[in-house]
Amino acid sequence: MNKNTVLAWATGIMILVGLALIGLGAFRYNEVAGWGFASVGIGFFAIAWVFNALKGRM
């Protein structure tokens, strides 16, 4: 596995974790904690976007 493959796997895993966190925030926790889970999930999307942008540049 080269660097681009590792970044692609990291991007995919972070998208899955982000979706899981947003799902937890939307369906499991209806109180204030749900907003926290959803915002952390959006943060995971932002980091995955950075990883995807780094593919091919490192």
Protein backbone atom coordinates (compact mmCIF):
# COMPACT_ATOMS: atom_id res chain seq x y z
CA MET A 1 0.00 0.00 0.00
CA ASN A 2 1.35 3.38 -0.94
CA LYS A 3 0.57 6.76 0.62
CA ASN A 4 -2.41 7.46 -1.64
CA THR A 5 -4.02 4.15 -0.75
CA VAL A 6 -3.59 4.82 2.96
CA LEU A 7 -5.13 8.28 2.58
CA ALA A 8 -8.02 6.81 0.58
CA TRP A 9 -8.71 4.23 3.31
CA ALA A 10 -8.46 6.90 6.01
CA THR A 11 -10.91 9.10 4.09
CA GLY A 12 -13.39 6.24 3.72
CA ILE A 13 -13.17 5.24 7.37
CA MET A 14 -13.59 8.83 8.53
CA ILE A 15 -16.67 9.27 6.33
CA LEU A 16 -18.21 6.12 7.83
CA VAL A 17 -17.46 7.26 11.39
CA GLY A 18 -18.83 10.72 10.59
CA LEU A 19 -22.05 9.22 9.24
CA ALA A 20 -22.35 7.02 12.33
CA LEU A 21 -21.89 10.00 14.65
CA ILE A 22 -24.44 12.08 12.76
CA GLY A 23 -26.83 9.13 12.86
CA LEU A 24 -26.35 8.78 16.61
CA GLY A 25 -26.98 12.47 17.07
CA ALA A 26 -30.11 12.41 14.94
CA PHE A 27 -31.75 9.18 16.06
CA ARG A 28 -30.35 8.09 19.42
CA TYR A 29 -29.77 11.26 21.41
CA ASN A 30 -32.59 13.78 21.10
CA GLU A 31 -31.29 16.19 23.74
CA VAL A 32 -28.31 18.54 23.68
CA ALA A 33 -25.91 15.60 23.35
CA GLY A 34 -27.33 14.94 19.88
CA TRP A 35 -26.10 18.32 18.70
CA GLY A 36 -22.62 17.46 19.99
CA PHE A 37 -22.54 14.12 18.21
CA ALA A 38 -23.71 15.73 14.96
CA SER A 39 -21.13 18.52 15.15
CA VAL A 40 -18.31 16.04 15.78
CA GLY A 41 -19.56 14.02 12.79
CA ILE A 42 -19.37 17.15 10.62
CA GLY A 43 -15.83 17.66 11.93
CA PHE A 44 -14.96 14.15 10.78
CA PHE A 45 -16.25 15.08 7.32
CA ALA A 46 -14.00 18.15 7.29
CA ILE A 47 -10.92 16.10 8.21
CA ALA A 48 -11.83 13.48 5.60
CA TRP A 49 -12.08 16.27 3.03
CA VAL A 50 -8.53 17.38 3.93
CA PHE A 51 -7.27 13.80 3.62
CA ASN A 52 -8.91 13.51 0.22
CA ALA A 53 -7.31 16.81 -0.88
CA LEU A 54 -3.88 15.52 0.19
CA LYS A 55 -4.11 12.46 -2.05
CA GLY A 56 -1.58 12.78 -4.84
CA ARG A 57 0.22 15.73 -3.25
CA MET A 58 2.27 13.85 -0.68
